[in-house]
Amino acid sequence: MNNFQAGDVVYVFYRNPHTQDVANIQAAAVVNNPENHNELALFLYETYYPLSNEMAVYSTVEEANAAYNYYYGDMFEGELE
């Protein structure tokens, strides 16, 4: 996780909390964690998530698409560029 800096845009898999069998690739911002300024967090849908090695975070949408295809079978066809 030390490859990211505050201000980076990254891509993560996001599961809809209302439809758990649906996952999408979503852009998220890397920011300073407001609860601990020595750590980074992801800012996604108006929520901060502590950035950890347990999260699958991709630097490019192409990397995220390749991983999505590997894990879920169909290439993500979203509008992220």
C-alpha atoms as a PDB file:
ATOM      1  CA  MET A   1       0.000   0.000   0.000  1.00  0.00           C
ATOM      2  CA  ASN A   2       2.978   2.318   0.235  1.00  0.00           C
ATOM      3  CA  ASN A   3       2.859   2.825  -3.547  1.00  0.00           C
ATOM      4  CA  PHE A   4      -0.106   5.195  -3.242  1.00  0.00           C
ATOM      5  CA  GLN A   5      -0.142   8.849  -2.271  1.00  0.00           C
ATOM      6  CA  ALA A   6      -2.903  11.204  -1.244  1.00  0.00           C
ATOM      7  CA  GLY A   7      -4.442  12.559  -4.434  1.00  0.00           C
ATOM      8  CA  ASP A   8      -4.103   9.362  -6.464  1.00  0.00           C
ATOM      9  CA  VAL A   9      -7.137   7.944  -8.229  1.00  0.00           C
ATOM     10  CA  VAL A  10      -7.374   4.160  -7.952  1.00  0.00           C
ATOM     11  CA  TYR A  11      -9.882   1.481  -8.908  1.00  0.00           C
ATOM     12  CA  VAL A  12     -11.553  -1.017  -6.590  1.00  0.00           C
ATOM     13  CA  PHE A  13     -14.279  -3.630  -6.755  1.00  0.00           C
ATOM     14  CA  TYR A  14     -17.413  -2.368  -5.086  1.00  0.00           C
ATOM     15  CA  ARG A  15     -20.336  -4.554  -4.114  1.00  0.00           C
ATOM     16  CA  ASN A  16     -23.713  -2.927  -4.004  1.00  0.00           C
ATOM     17  CA  PRO A  17     -24.853  -3.200  -0.379  1.00  0.00           C
ATOM     18  CA  HIS A  18     -28.416  -3.860  -1.552  1.00  0.00           C
ATOM     19  CA  THR A  19     -27.502  -6.463  -4.198  1.00  0.00           C
ATOM     20  CA  GLN A  20     -24.536  -8.467  -2.913  1.00  0.00           C
ATOM     21  CA  ASP A  21     -24.191 -10.608  -6.035  1.00  0.00           C
ATOM     22  CA  VAL A  22     -23.321  -7.539  -8.151  1.00  0.00           C
ATOM     23  CA  ALA A  23     -19.791  -6.135  -8.203  1.00  0.00           C
ATOM     24  CA  ASN A  24     -18.559  -3.187 -10.210  1.00  0.00           C
ATOM     25  CA  ILE A  25     -15.294  -1.398 -10.728  1.00  0.00           C
ATOM     26  CA  GLN A  26     -15.367   2.010  -9.109  1.00  0.00           C
ATOM     27  CA  ALA A  27     -12.869   4.857  -9.089  1.00  0.00           C
ATOM     28  CA  ALA A  28     -11.867   6.014  -5.605  1.00  0.00           C
ATOM     29  CA  ALA A  29      -9.607   8.770  -4.311  1.00  0.00           C
ATOM     30  CA  VAL A  30      -6.636   8.091  -2.053  1.00  0.00           C
ATOM     31  CA  VAL A  31      -6.739  10.651   0.758  1.00  0.00           C
ATOM     32  CA  ASN A  32      -5.237  11.236   4.185  1.00  0.00           C
ATOM     33  CA  ASN A  33      -7.307   9.329   6.720  1.00  0.00           C
ATOM     34  CA  PRO A  34      -9.280  11.973   8.663  1.00  0.00           C
ATOM     35  CA  GLU A  35      -9.207   9.773  11.786  1.00  0.00           C
ATOM     36  CA  ASN A  36      -5.446   9.121  11.611  1.00  0.00           C
ATOM     37  CA  HIS A  37      -3.419  11.606   9.574  1.00  0.00           C
ATOM     38  CA  ASN A  38      -0.436   9.211   9.452  1.00  0.00           C
ATOM     39  CA  GLU A  39      -2.447   6.748   7.343  1.00  0.00           C
ATOM     40  CA  LEU A  40      -4.113   6.790   3.964  1.00  0.00           C
ATOM     41  CA  ALA A  41      -7.740   6.010   3.220  1.00  0.00           C
ATOM     42  CA  LEU A  42      -9.945   5.489   0.188  1.00  0.00           C
ATOM     43  CA  PHE A  43     -12.745   7.975  -0.292  1.00  0.00           C
ATOM     44  CA  LEU A  44     -15.622   6.237  -2.038  1.00  0.00           C
ATOM     45  CA  TYR A  45     -19.301   7.209  -2.073  1.00  0.00           C
ATOM     46  CA  GLU A  46     -18.806   9.889   0.603  1.00  0.00           C
ATOM     47  CA  THR A  47     -17.221   7.328   2.963  1.00  0.00           C
ATOM     48  CA  TYR A  48     -13.623   6.861   4.125  1.00  0.00           C
ATOM     49  CA  TYR A  49     -12.195   3.325   4.137  1.00  0.00           C
ATOM     50  CA  PRO A  50      -8.770   2.740   5.739  1.00  0.00           C
ATOM     51  CA  LEU A  51      -6.337   1.670   3.027  1.00  0.00           C
ATOM     52  CA  SER A  52      -4.819  -1.701   3.899  1.00  0.00           C
ATOM     53  CA  ASN A  53      -3.087  -4.653   2.265  1.00  0.00           C
ATOM     54  CA  GLU A  54      -6.359  -6.575   2.593  1.00  0.00           C
ATOM     55  CA  MET A  55      -7.968  -4.427  -0.111  1.00  0.00           C
ATOM     56  CA  ALA A  56      -7.676  -5.122  -3.812  1.00  0.00           C
ATOM     57  CA  VAL A  57      -6.701  -1.716  -5.189  1.00  0.00           C
ATOM     58  CA  TYR A  58      -5.611  -1.177  -8.792  1.00  0.00           C
ATOM     59  CA  SER A  59      -3.642   1.740 -10.207  1.00  0.00           C
ATOM     60  CA  THR A  60      -5.301   1.623 -13.617  1.00  0.00           C
ATOM     61  CA  VAL A  61      -8.704   0.718 -14.942  1.00  0.00           C
ATOM     62  CA  GLU A  62      -6.994  -1.806 -17.248  1.00  0.00           C
ATOM     63  CA  GLU A  63      -5.530  -3.652 -14.243  1.00  0.00           C
ATOM     64  CA  ALA A  64      -8.921  -3.601 -12.545  1.00  0.00           C
ATOM     65  CA  ASN A  65     -10.627  -4.918 -15.691  1.00  0.00           C
ATOM     66  CA  ALA A  66      -8.124  -7.785 -15.973  1.00  0.00           C
ATOM     67  CA  ALA A  67      -8.647  -8.758 -12.318  1.00  0.00           C
ATOM     68  CA  TYR A  68     -12.421  -8.434 -12.643  1.00  0.00           C
ATOM     69  CA  ASN A  69     -12.364 -10.708 -15.679  1.00  0.00           C
ATOM     70  CA  TYR A  70     -10.210 -13.231 -13.815  1.00  0.00           C
ATOM     71  CA  TYR A  71     -12.436 -13.324 -10.712  1.00  0.00           C
ATOM     72  CA  TYR A  72     -15.892 -12.771 -12.181  1.00  0.00           C
ATOM     73  CA  GLY A  73     -15.589 -14.078 -15.738  1.00  0.00           C
ATOM     74  CA  ASP A  74     -16.942 -11.172 -17.757  1.00  0.00           C
ATOM     75  CA  MET A  75     -14.940  -8.064 -18.508  1.00  0.00           C
ATOM     76  CA  PHE A  76     -16.349  -4.977 -16.840  1.00  0.00           C
ATOM     77  CA  GLU A  77     -18.065  -2.878 -19.500  1.00  0.00           C
ATOM     78  CA  GLY A  78     -18.368   0.350 -17.512  1.00  0.00           C
ATOM     79  CA  GLU A  79     -17.559   3.865 -18.589  1.00  0.00           C
ATOM     80  CA  LEU A  80     -14.404   4.315 -16.523  1.00  0.00           C
ATOM     81  CA  GLU A  81     -11.487   5.578 -18.541  1.00  0.00           C
END
